[in-house]
Amino acid sequence: MGTAQNIPFGRVIRDKKEVEERIRRAQRAILRPSQNPDTFLSGPDEDSGNRELTFSKNCVSLEISGPELTDLSFCDLPGKIFLFPSSSVSVWY
């Protein structure tokens, strides 16, 4: 098994309003490993549905720090996913 590594995704964010969108873009990039991750940093913030993977062993991790904040690291670990074959409904835990 390989060694874990952090791969930066875009510039450092200084405005907390940008965090949610950046996480969505990073999640989309993880599900399309053959594409350059930088292509997900611009353009419409919507999922085209053309995923190569429905699940990935990779994760999105955040490091949050600032002069008035407690340093915090966050890692979005994969959860259990149930796909219902007769519909497009997914349940995430």
C-alpha atoms as a PDB file:
ATOM      1  CA  MET A   1       0.000   0.000   0.000  1.00  0.00           C
ATOM      2  CA  GLY A   2       1.300   3.484  -0.858  1.00  0.00           C
ATOM      3  CA  THR A   3       2.027   6.359   1.453  1.00  0.00           C
ATOM      4  CA  ALA A   4      -0.720   8.929   2.021  1.00  0.00           C
ATOM      5  CA  GLN A   5      -0.076  12.343   0.554  1.00  0.00           C
ATOM      6  CA  ASN A   6      -1.822  15.694   0.443  1.00  0.00           C
ATOM      7  CA  ILE A   7      -2.183  17.253  -2.983  1.00  0.00           C
ATOM      8  CA  PRO A   8      -3.035  20.979  -2.902  1.00  0.00           C
ATOM      9  CA  PHE A   9      -6.226  21.890  -4.764  1.00  0.00           C
ATOM     10  CA  GLY A  10      -6.185  25.541  -5.792  1.00  0.00           C
ATOM     11  CA  ARG A  11      -4.941  28.616  -3.984  1.00  0.00           C
ATOM     12  CA  VAL A  12      -5.279  29.171  -0.244  1.00  0.00           C
ATOM     13  CA  ILE A  13      -8.782  30.398   0.603  1.00  0.00           C
ATOM     14  CA  ARG A  14      -9.012  33.467   2.812  1.00  0.00           C
ATOM     15  CA  ASP A  15     -12.797  33.976   2.587  1.00  0.00           C
ATOM     16  CA  LYS A  16     -14.852  31.400   4.497  1.00  0.00           C
ATOM     17  CA  LYS A  17     -17.697  31.855   1.982  1.00  0.00           C
ATOM     18  CA  GLU A  18     -15.559  30.047  -0.623  1.00  0.00           C
ATOM     19  CA  VAL A  19     -14.962  26.874   1.420  1.00  0.00           C
ATOM     20  CA  GLU A  20     -18.184  24.993   0.620  1.00  0.00           C
ATOM     21  CA  GLU A  21     -17.808  25.475  -3.137  1.00  0.00           C
ATOM     22  CA  ARG A  22     -14.141  24.399  -3.056  1.00  0.00           C
ATOM     23  CA  ILE A  23     -15.082  21.196  -1.207  1.00  0.00           C
ATOM     24  CA  ARG A  24     -17.735  20.364  -3.840  1.00  0.00           C
ATOM     25  CA  ARG A  25     -15.235  20.959  -6.638  1.00  0.00           C
ATOM     26  CA  ALA A  26     -12.611  18.778  -4.923  1.00  0.00           C
ATOM     27  CA  GLN A  27     -15.131  15.977  -4.454  1.00  0.00           C
ATOM     28  CA  ARG A  28     -15.984  16.090  -8.172  1.00  0.00           C
ATOM     29  CA  ALA A  29     -12.288  15.998  -9.085  1.00  0.00           C
ATOM     30  CA  ILE A  30     -11.731  12.897  -6.920  1.00  0.00           C
ATOM     31  CA  LEU A  31     -14.422  11.023  -8.851  1.00  0.00           C
ATOM     32  CA  ARG A  32     -12.703  11.821 -12.172  1.00  0.00           C
ATOM     33  CA  PRO A  33      -9.072  10.745 -11.608  1.00  0.00           C
ATOM     34  CA  SER A  34      -8.051  10.802 -15.280  1.00  0.00           C
ATOM     35  CA  GLN A  35      -8.749  14.549 -15.554  1.00  0.00           C
ATOM     36  CA  ASN A  36      -6.414  17.286 -14.378  1.00  0.00           C
ATOM     37  CA  PRO A  37      -7.788  18.424 -10.988  1.00  0.00           C
ATOM     38  CA  ASP A  38      -7.175  22.074 -11.927  1.00  0.00           C
ATOM     39  CA  THR A  39      -9.964  21.850 -14.525  1.00  0.00           C
ATOM     40  CA  PHE A  40     -12.484  21.648 -11.661  1.00  0.00           C
ATOM     41  CA  LEU A  41     -11.353  24.928 -10.088  1.00  0.00           C
ATOM     42  CA  SER A  42     -13.123  27.119 -12.636  1.00  0.00           C
ATOM     43  CA  GLY A  43     -16.292  27.037 -14.681  1.00  0.00           C
ATOM     44  CA  PRO A  44     -19.811  26.322 -13.458  1.00  0.00           C
ATOM     45  CA  ASP A  45     -20.137  24.887  -9.957  1.00  0.00           C
ATOM     46  CA  GLU A  46     -22.342  21.997 -11.001  1.00  0.00           C
ATOM     47  CA  ASP A  47     -21.920  18.273 -11.431  1.00  0.00           C
ATOM     48  CA  SER A  48     -22.104  17.139 -15.062  1.00  0.00           C
ATOM     49  CA  GLY A  49     -22.802  13.571 -13.923  1.00  0.00           C
ATOM     50  CA  ASN A  50     -19.967  12.187 -16.097  1.00  0.00           C
ATOM     51  CA  ARG A  51     -18.175  10.443 -13.252  1.00  0.00           C
ATOM     52  CA  GLU A  52     -15.523   7.821 -13.850  1.00  0.00           C
ATOM     53  CA  LEU A  53     -16.007   6.503 -10.315  1.00  0.00           C
ATOM     54  CA  THR A  54     -19.006   6.338  -8.012  1.00  0.00           C
ATOM     55  CA  PHE A  55     -16.735   5.926  -4.986  1.00  0.00           C
ATOM     56  CA  SER A  56     -13.089   6.700  -4.270  1.00  0.00           C
ATOM     57  CA  LYS A  57     -10.590   5.632  -1.641  1.00  0.00           C
ATOM     58  CA  ASN A  58      -9.286   9.211  -1.731  1.00  0.00           C
ATOM     59  CA  CYS A  59     -10.627  11.950   0.515  1.00  0.00           C
ATOM     60  CA  VAL A  60     -10.854  15.715   0.802  1.00  0.00           C
ATOM     61  CA  SER A  61      -8.921  17.172   3.716  1.00  0.00           C
ATOM     62  CA  LEU A  62      -8.963  20.749   5.007  1.00  0.00           C
ATOM     63  CA  GLU A  63      -6.545  22.636   7.203  1.00  0.00           C
ATOM     64  CA  ILE A  64      -8.170  25.644   8.860  1.00  0.00           C
ATOM     65  CA  SER A  65      -6.084  28.218  10.696  1.00  0.00           C
ATOM     66  CA  GLY A  66      -6.124  31.914  11.475  1.00  0.00           C
ATOM     67  CA  PRO A  67      -5.205  34.477  14.114  1.00  0.00           C
ATOM     68  CA  GLU A  68      -8.608  34.282  15.807  1.00  0.00           C
ATOM     69  CA  LEU A  69      -9.218  30.579  15.203  1.00  0.00           C
ATOM     70  CA  THR A  70      -8.184  27.391  16.879  1.00  0.00           C
ATOM     71  CA  ASP A  71      -6.074  25.399  14.404  1.00  0.00           C
ATOM     72  CA  LEU A  72      -8.198  22.622  12.961  1.00  0.00           C
ATOM     73  CA  SER A  73      -7.691  19.843  10.453  1.00  0.00           C
ATOM     74  CA  PHE A  74     -10.641  18.099   8.847  1.00  0.00           C
ATOM     75  CA  CYS A  75     -10.751  15.021   6.668  1.00  0.00           C
ATOM     76  CA  ASP A  76     -13.894  13.996   4.760  1.00  0.00           C
ATOM     77  CA  LEU A  77     -13.691  10.222   5.061  1.00  0.00           C
ATOM     78  CA  PRO A  78     -15.835   8.018   2.874  1.00  0.00           C
ATOM     79  CA  GLY A  79     -18.999   6.743   4.499  1.00  0.00           C
ATOM     80  CA  LYS A  80     -21.421   4.026   3.598  1.00  0.00           C
ATOM     81  CA  ILE A  81     -23.237   4.578   0.335  1.00  0.00           C
ATOM     82  CA  PHE A  82     -26.297   2.686  -0.791  1.00  0.00           C
ATOM     83  CA  LEU A  83     -27.384   2.950  -4.429  1.00  0.00           C
ATOM     84  CA  PHE A  84     -30.867   1.831  -5.287  1.00  0.00           C
ATOM     85  CA  PRO A  85     -30.774   0.253  -8.775  1.00  0.00           C
ATOM     86  CA  SER A  86     -34.421   1.032  -9.629  1.00  0.00           C
ATOM     87  CA  SER A  87     -34.017   4.774  -9.043  1.00  0.00           C
ATOM     88  CA  SER A  88     -31.471   7.521  -8.875  1.00  0.00           C
ATOM     89  CA  VAL A  89     -31.780   7.773  -5.076  1.00  0.00           C
ATOM     90  CA  SER A  90     -28.588   7.500  -3.032  1.00  0.00           C
ATOM     91  CA  VAL A  91     -28.446   7.385   0.745  1.00  0.00           C
ATOM     92  CA  TRP A  92     -25.219   8.700   2.329  1.00  0.00           C
ATOM     93  CA  TYR A  93     -24.205   8.024   5.938  1.00  0.00           C
END
